């Protein structure tokens, strides 16, 4: 049997990587740095020869594979089989949140217990079996060829164990870096390690000048109807140059906005919701159901976004914005009530990432 070479690369960075959230099989897009990493990987591999390009079908992997496949003139062969481990109910939560909410289970995750699974998720054994099968199938179908596989940290972890013979419980010797090539080989039914990247690879610089970013605190309302639909507003303006270059002229998001001077989150929420929808909130606003902190590109500027999402339960209504500035009137294009399934299936720009999962959680 001839030797097959696989180059494996993890997708570029996402905001959920920064926030240390369990992404699992949620379809989270690359952030600005992740897009730069994908382009850098394409440059690094510009002299490499590949006969086929495989990718997880999740958009963060597909967007990382695309620049390389385009250079090669090859299609990206997307498959669900290369998706990250399904972490079930933990997906969308930060590690810190899981450590508190699932205090008895989290140590099993840290210890890499093979038969442990998060609620509704895969065990490590099940995940490893899935990845061994798909990588072996790719190698056999591509006998004697050079293949690029773009996937996720968990997938590359299993591939490293396949190539080194290390058990699932063993500590990995090197990290799995974003958008960095790692090489393994398949010959005569056996896997071997050719080269694995280390942390010494030069990092992609921050897309801003590297200085600490100004904080932008914002309150946003997750307005949910008894039918389980969320009210999203359609906005123009504030999009990063990247999205504009891709032809995106608007996006959908939960209503809300930045705190003004001397405002707290609750006060800002009442003001923003009234201005954008006409809904007057009672004295006690809904509970905070999500928090986020990440670098955000707002137009040509970068800010450190600090966001709190408040649950607001109400019957469906037609928004009637109040007291918007002339600029806000131009930028607020419309509104729509969305189900979680509609959000998940849409190719529109919808923020925050993973909103469908949050909506399902609060309406369960």
Protein backbone atom coordinates (compact mmCIF):
# COMPACT_ATOMS: atom_id res chain seq x y z
CA UNK A 1 0.00 0.00 0.00
CA UNK A 2 1.29 3.47 -0.86
CA UNK A 3 1.87 6.21 1.69
CA UNK A 4 -0.78 8.87 2.18
CA UNK A 5 0.13 12.24 3.73
CA UNK A 6 -2.43 14.24 5.71
CA UNK A 7 -1.87 17.86 6.66
CA UNK A 8 -4.23 18.73 9.49
CA UNK A 9 -5.08 22.29 10.49
CA UNK A 10 -7.36 23.63 13.16
CA UNK A 11 -9.67 26.47 12.10
CA UNK A 12 -8.75 30.10 12.79
CA UNK A 13 -9.70 31.92 15.97
CA UNK A 14 -13.29 32.71 16.93
CA UNK A 15 -14.64 35.00 19.61
CA UNK A 16 -15.74 31.91 21.51
CA UNK A 17 -12.10 30.76 21.60
CA UNK A 18 -11.22 34.05 23.28
CA UNK A 19 -14.07 33.71 25.77
CA UNK A 20 -13.15 30.05 26.44
CA UNK A 21 -16.63 28.83 25.53
CA UNK A 22 -17.44 25.26 24.62
CA UNK A 23 -18.11 25.58 20.88
CA UNK A 24 -18.65 21.92 20.10
CA UNK A 25 -20.89 21.63 17.08
CA UNK A 26 -22.30 25.16 17.25
CA UNK A 27 -21.68 26.96 13.96
CA UNK A 28 -19.53 29.92 15.07
CA UNK A 29 -17.79 32.17 12.52
CA UNK A 30 -14.15 33.27 12.51
CA UNK A 31 -13.33 36.61 14.07
CA UNK A 32 -11.02 39.18 12.43
CA UNK A 33 -7.88 37.55 13.78
CA UNK A 34 -9.15 34.14 12.68
CA UNK A 35 -9.62 35.42 9.14
CA UNK A 36 -6.05 36.78 9.19
CA UNK A 37 -4.82 33.40 10.45
CA UNK A 38 -6.61 31.63 7.60
CA UNK A 39 -4.93 33.90 5.05
CA UNK A 40 -1.56 33.37 6.76
CA UNK A 41 -2.02 29.60 6.60
CA UNK A 42 -2.76 29.86 2.88
CA UNK A 43 0.47 31.82 2.40
CA UNK A 44 2.44 29.32 4.48
CA UNK A 45 1.17 26.41 2.37
CA UNK A 46 1.48 28.18 -0.98
CA UNK A 47 4.31 25.88 -2.13
CA UNK A 48 2.72 22.70 -0.75
CA UNK A 49 0.99 20.26 -3.07
CA UNK A 50 -2.40 18.85 -2.15
CA UNK A 51 -4.62 16.60 -4.20
CA UNK A 52 -7.74 16.99 -2.05
CA UNK A 53 -9.10 19.35 0.59
CA UNK A 54 -11.46 18.07 3.28
CA UNK A 55 -13.14 20.17 5.95
CA UNK A 56 -15.63 20.04 8.75
CA UNK A 57 -18.85 21.52 7.44
CA UNK A 58 -18.95 24.14 10.21
CA UNK A 59 -18.30 27.65 8.93
CA UNK A 60 -15.19 28.33 11.04
CA UNK A 61 -13.45 25.37 9.38
CA UNK A 62 -14.83 26.04 5.90
CA UNK A 63 -13.66 29.67 6.04
CA UNK A 64 -10.16 28.50 7.01
CA UNK A 65 -10.00 25.94 4.19
CA UNK A 66 -11.38 28.29 1.53
CA UNK A 67 -8.26 30.43 0.80
CA UNK A 68 -6.10 27.32 0.35
CA UNK A 69 -8.63 25.47 -1.80
CA UNK A 70 -9.08 28.57 -3.95
CA UNK A 71 -5.33 28.76 -4.59
CA UNK A 72 -5.26 25.08 -5.52
CA UNK A 73 -8.36 25.26 -7.67
CA UNK A 74 -9.88 22.40 -5.68
CA UNK A 75 -13.33 22.01 -4.16
CA UNK A 76 -13.67 21.79 -0.39
CA UNK A 77 -15.10 18.37 0.47
CA UNK A 78 -17.20 19.18 3.53
CA UNK A 79 -18.43 16.54 5.96
CA UNK A 80 -20.22 16.46 9.31
CA UNK A 81 -17.99 13.57 10.31
CA UNK A 82 -15.12 16.01 10.93
CA UNK A 83 -17.09 18.17 13.35
CA UNK A 84 -15.82 18.90 16.85
CA UNK A 85 -16.91 16.68 19.74
CA UNK A 86 -20.54 17.23 20.64
CA UNK A 87 -20.46 18.70 24.16
CA UNK A 88 -24.23 18.70 24.50
CA UNK A 89 -25.62 21.01 27.15
CA UNK A 90 -22.21 22.53 27.80
CA UNK A 91 -22.02 24.12 24.36
CA UNK A 92 -22.30 27.88 24.54
CA UNK A 93 -21.14 28.03 28.17
CA UNK A 94 -17.71 29.20 29.29
CA UNK A 95 -15.42 26.83 31.12
CA UNK A 96 -15.90 28.92 34.26
CA UNK A 97 -19.70 28.60 34.00
CA UNK A 98 -19.51 24.84 33.48
CA UNK A 99 -17.12 24.46 36.39
CA UNK A 100 -19.72 26.05 38.67
CA UNK A 101 -22.92 24.60 37.20
CA UNK A 102 -21.53 21.08 36.70
CA UNK A 103 -19.08 21.00 39.61
CA UNK A 104 -19.31 17.22 40.05
CA UNK A 105 -18.80 16.49 36.33
CA UNK A 106 -16.17 19.02 35.27
CA UNK A 107 -13.25 17.09 36.87
CA UNK A 108 -14.13 14.10 34.66
CA UNK A 109 -13.71 16.36 31.62
CA UNK A 110 -10.35 17.65 32.87
CA UNK A 111 -9.18 14.11 33.57
CA UNK A 112 -10.16 13.05 30.02
CA UNK A 113 -12.29 10.20 31.32
CA UNK A 114 -13.01 8.20 28.14
CA UNK A 115 -16.59 7.22 29.00
CA UNK A 116 -17.66 10.64 30.30
CA UNK A 117 -20.06 12.82 28.31
CA UNK A 118 -21.66 16.16 29.05
CA UNK A 119 -25.47 15.90 29.19
CA UNK A 120 -26.75 15.09 25.68
CA UNK A 121 -23.18 14.98 24.33
CA UNK A 122 -20.63 12.47 23.03
CA UNK A 123 -18.23 10.55 25.21
CA UNK A 124 -14.56 10.92 24.42
CA UNK A 125 -14.55 7.27 23.29
CA UNK A 126 -17.45 7.85 20.89
CA UNK A 127 -15.80 10.97 19.50
CA UNK A 128 -12.44 9.23 19.05
CA UNK A 129 -14.12 6.34 17.23
CA UNK A 130 -15.85 8.76 14.85
CA UNK A 131 -12.62 10.60 14.04
CA UNK A 132 -10.54 7.43 13.62
CA UNK A 133 -13.08 6.13 11.13
CA UNK A 134 -13.35 9.31 9.05
CA UNK A 135 -9.58 9.93 8.88
CA UNK A 136 -8.92 6.31 7.98
CA UNK A 137 -11.60 6.48 5.28
CA UNK A 138 -10.02 9.66 3.88
CA UNK A 139 -6.56 8.07 3.88
CA UNK A 140 -7.74 4.91 2.13
CA UNK A 141 -9.79 6.80 -0.45
CA UNK A 142 -6.77 9.03 -1.12
CA UNK A 143 -4.07 6.35 -1.22
CA UNK A 144 -0.75 7.81 -2.29
CA UNK A 145 -2.06 11.38 -2.30
CA UNK A 146 -1.45 14.48 -0.21
CA UNK A 147 -4.59 15.67 1.58
CA UNK A 148 -5.39 18.79 3.58
CA UNK A 149 -7.90 18.34 6.41
CA UNK A 150 -9.27 21.43 8.20
CA UNK A 151 -11.18 20.72 11.37
CA UNK A 152 -11.15 21.42 15.11
CA UNK A 153 -8.89 21.14 18.16
CA UNK A 154 -10.55 17.93 19.35
CA UNK A 155 -10.22 16.33 15.91
CA UNK A 156 -6.51 17.14 15.76
CA UNK A 157 -6.06 15.83 19.30
CA UNK A 158 -7.43 12.44 18.25
CA UNK A 159 -5.30 12.48 15.10
CA UNK A 160 -2.18 13.08 17.20
CA UNK A 161 -3.08 10.10 19.39
CA UNK A 162 -3.66 7.94 16.33
CA UNK A 163 -0.21 8.87 15.00
CA UNK A 164 1.66 8.48 18.31
CA UNK A 165 -0.24 5.60 19.90
CA UNK A 166 -0.97 7.67 23.00
CA UNK A 167 -4.13 6.73 24.96
CA UNK A 168 -7.08 9.10 25.30
CA UNK A 169 -6.19 9.86 28.92
CA UNK A 170 -2.56 10.85 28.22
CA UNK A 171 -1.48 14.48 28.28
CA UNK A 172 -0.68 15.84 24.84
CA UNK A 173 2.91 17.03 24.39
CA UNK A 174 2.13 20.03 22.18
CA UNK A 175 -0.82 22.42 21.85
CA UNK A 176 -3.25 22.50 18.94
CA UNK A 177 -2.71 25.95 17.47
CA UNK A 178 -5.19 27.82 15.32
CA UNK A 179 -4.57 27.67 11.54
CA UNK A 180 -1.24 25.84 11.83
CA UNK A 181 -0.19 22.82 9.73
CA UNK A 182 0.46 19.44 11.36
CA UNK A 183 1.49 16.37 9.36
CA UNK A 184 0.72 12.66 9.79
CA UNK A 185 1.03 9.67 7.44
CA UNK A 186 -0.91 6.49 6.73
CA UNK A 187 0.81 3.43 5.26
CA UNK A 188 0.06 -0.29 5.43
CA UNK A 189 -2.83 0.32 7.80
CA UNK A 190 -0.68 2.23 10.30
CA UNK A 191 -0.53 5.90 11.28
CA UNK A 192 2.69 7.75 12.04
CA UNK A 193 3.64 11.27 13.09
CA UNK A 194 5.57 13.31 10.52
CA UNK A 195 5.62 16.76 12.15
CA UNK A 196 3.57 18.54 14.80
CA UNK A 197 3.58 22.30 15.28
CA UNK A 198 4.75 23.81 18.57
CA UNK A 199 3.94 27.09 20.32
CA UNK A 200 7.08 28.61 18.80
CA UNK A 201 5.29 29.43 15.54
CA UNK A 202 5.03 33.24 15.12
CA UNK A 203 1.61 34.50 16.18
CA UNK A 204 -0.65 36.63 14.02
CA UNK A 205 -0.66 40.16 15.38
CA UNK A 206 -3.85 41.63 16.77
CA UNK A 207 -5.88 43.33 14.03
CA UNK A 208 -5.62 46.60 15.96
CA UNK A 209 -2.38 48.29 17.05
CA UNK A 210 -2.03 46.05 20.10
CA UNK A 211 -2.82 48.75 22.69
CA UNK A 212 -5.50 48.04 25.32
CA UNK A 213 -8.91 48.64 23.81
CA UNK A 214 -11.46 51.10 25.22
CA UNK A 215 -14.35 49.33 26.96
CA UNK A 216 -17.79 49.51 25.41
CA UNK A 217 -20.38 48.31 27.90
CA UNK A 218 -23.75 47.48 26.38
CA UNK A 219 -27.12 46.17 27.54
CA UNK A 220 -29.16 44.09 25.13
CA UNK A 221 -32.64 42.62 25.41
CA UNK A 222 -33.48 39.06 24.42
CA UNK A 223 -37.18 39.72 23.81
CA UNK A 224 -39.00 36.38 23.60
CA UNK A 225 -42.64 35.59 22.82
CA UNK A 226 -44.72 32.73 24.29
CA UNK A 227 -44.25 31.00 20.91
CA UNK A 228 -40.50 30.87 21.52
CA UNK A 229 -39.55 33.52 18.98
CA UNK A 230 -37.02 36.32 19.52
CA UNK A 231 -37.37 39.87 18.28
CA UNK A 232 -34.38 40.91 16.20
CA UNK A 233 -33.76 44.31 14.69
CA UNK A 234 -32.15 44.86 11.29
CA UNK A 235 -29.35 47.41 11.32
CA UNK A 236 -27.12 49.14 8.79
CA UNK A 237 -23.91 50.90 9.77
CA UNK A 238 -21.23 49.77 12.19
CA UNK A 239 -20.20 46.82 10.04
CA UNK A 240 -16.49 46.06 9.81
CA UNK A 241 -14.70 46.64 6.48
CA UNK A 242 -14.40 42.85 6.15
CA UNK A 243 -18.15 42.33 6.02
CA UNK A 244 -18.60 45.27 3.67
CA UNK A 245 -15.98 43.78 1.32
CA UNK A 246 -18.02 40.57 1.29
CA UNK A 247 -21.06 42.52 0.16
CA UNK A 248 -22.84 42.51 3.54
CA UNK A 249 -24.73 45.76 4.01
CA UNK A 250 -26.79 44.98 7.10
CA UNK A 251 -27.08 42.61 10.05
CA UNK A 252 -29.64 41.37 12.59
CA UNK A 253 -29.19 41.64 16.35
CA UNK A 254 -31.07 41.81 19.61
CA UNK A 255 -32.18 45.36 20.46
CA UNK A 256 -29.99 47.34 22.82
CA UNK A 257 -26.89 49.48 22.89
CA UNK A 258 -24.07 51.09 24.77
CA UNK A 259 -24.37 52.59 28.23
CA UNK A 260 -24.29 56.37 28.41
CA UNK A 261 -22.27 58.18 31.03
CA UNK A 262 -23.53 57.50 34.57
CA UNK A 263 -25.95 54.77 33.35
CA UNK A 264 -26.03 51.26 34.77
CA UNK A 265 -26.96 48.26 32.62
CA UNK A 266 -30.62 48.20 33.71
CA UNK A 267 -31.12 51.90 33.02
CA UNK A 268 -29.48 51.62 29.63
CA UNK A 269 -31.64 48.59 28.80
CA UNK A 270 -34.89 50.43 29.55
CA UNK A 271 -33.81 53.42 27.45
CA UNK A 272 -32.53 51.38 24.49
CA UNK A 273 -35.54 49.05 24.37
CA UNK A 274 -37.96 51.97 24.44
CA UNK A 275 -36.01 53.88 21.78
CA UNK A 276 -35.70 50.93 19.39
CA UNK A 277 -38.99 49.08 19.94
CA UNK A 278 -41.31 51.39 21.90
CA UNK A 279 -41.65 48.76 24.65
CA UNK A 280 -41.68 50.27 28.16
CA UNK A 281 -40.11 47.89 30.66
CA UNK A 282 -41.33 47.60 34.26
CA UNK A 283 -39.25 48.55 37.26
CA UNK A 284 -37.75 45.07 37.54
CA UNK A 285 -36.16 44.12 34.25
CA UNK A 286 -35.69 40.48 33.31
CA UNK A 287 -32.80 38.31 34.46
CA UNK A 288 -29.36 38.37 32.83
CA UNK A 289 -29.21 35.19 30.72
CA UNK A 290 -25.83 35.73 29.04
CA UNK A 291 -22.71 37.86 29.31
CA UNK A 292 -19.93 38.37 26.79
CA UNK A 293 -16.56 40.14 26.59
CA UNK A 294 -14.51 40.21 23.39
CA UNK A 295 -12.67 42.57 21.00
CA UNK A 296 -15.23 44.06 18.63
CA UNK A 297 -14.68 45.82 15.31
CA UNK A 298 -17.19 48.67 15.11
CA UNK A 299 -16.81 50.30 11.75
CA UNK A 300 -13.11 51.20 11.48
CA UNK A 301 -12.61 51.20 15.26
CA UNK A 302 -11.82 48.45 17.77
CA UNK A 303 -13.36 48.30 21.24
CA UNK A 304 -13.52 45.77 24.05
CA UNK A 305 -17.18 44.81 24.06
CA UNK A 306 -18.71 44.01 27.45
CA UNK A 307 -22.30 42.87 26.94
CA UNK A 308 -25.15 41.71 29.17
CA UNK A 309 -28.25 40.07 27.72
CA UNK A 310 -31.50 40.43 29.66
CA UNK A 311 -34.48 38.13 29.12
CA UNK A 312 -37.71 40.02 28.37
CA UNK A 313 -40.83 37.88 27.94
CA UNK A 314 -43.80 39.42 26.14
CA UNK A 315 -46.43 38.77 23.51
CA UNK A 316 -45.36 39.44 19.94
CA UNK A 317 -45.83 43.09 18.98
CA UNK A 318 -44.94 45.45 16.16
CA UNK A 319 -42.09 47.71 17.32
CA UNK A 320 -42.71 51.45 17.29
CA UNK A 321 -39.32 53.13 17.86
CA UNK A 322 -39.32 56.22 20.06
CA UNK A 323 -37.02 59.27 20.08
CA UNK A 324 -34.37 57.94 17.72
CA UNK A 325 -31.74 60.36 16.46
CA UNK A 326 -31.70 61.04 12.71
CA UNK A 327 -28.65 58.77 12.36
CA UNK A 328 -30.34 55.97 14.32
CA UNK A 329 -33.42 56.25 12.11
CA UNK A 330 -31.24 55.70 9.05
CA UNK A 331 -29.43 52.72 10.56
CA UNK A 332 -32.50 50.92 11.94
CA UNK A 333 -33.92 49.18 8.88
CA UNK A 334 -36.61 46.89 10.26
CA UNK A 335 -37.52 44.06 12.58
CA UNK A 336 -38.66 40.43 12.60
CA UNK A 337 -39.60 37.68 15.06
CA UNK A 338 -37.29 34.69 14.59
CA UNK A 339 -37.51 31.08 15.81
CA UNK A 340 -34.35 29.27 16.90
CA UNK A 341 -34.57 27.02 13.83
CA UNK A 342 -34.83 30.03 11.53
CA UNK A 343 -31.78 31.63 13.12
CA UNK A 344 -29.77 28.41 12.83
CA UNK A 345 -30.68 27.95 9.16
CA UNK A 346 -30.12 31.56 8.09
CA UNK A 347 -27.02 32.74 6.20
CA UNK A 348 -27.71 36.33 7.25
CA UNK A 349 -25.37 38.08 9.67
CA UNK A 350 -26.96 37.53 13.09
CA UNK A 351 -25.45 38.60 16.40
CA UNK A 352 -24.58 37.34 18.94
CA UNK A 353 -23.03 34.13 17.68
CA UNK A 354 -24.90 31.08 18.88
CA UNK A 355 -28.11 33.03 19.48
CA UNK A 356 -30.24 30.03 18.49
CA UNK A 357 -28.77 28.03 21.38
CA UNK A 358 -29.43 30.81 23.88
CA UNK A 359 -33.01 31.11 22.62
CA UNK A 360 -33.57 27.37 22.97
CA UNK A 361 -32.13 27.46 26.49
CA UNK A 362 -34.43 30.21 27.76
CA UNK A 363 -37.53 28.71 26.14
CA UNK A 364 -36.95 25.09 27.22
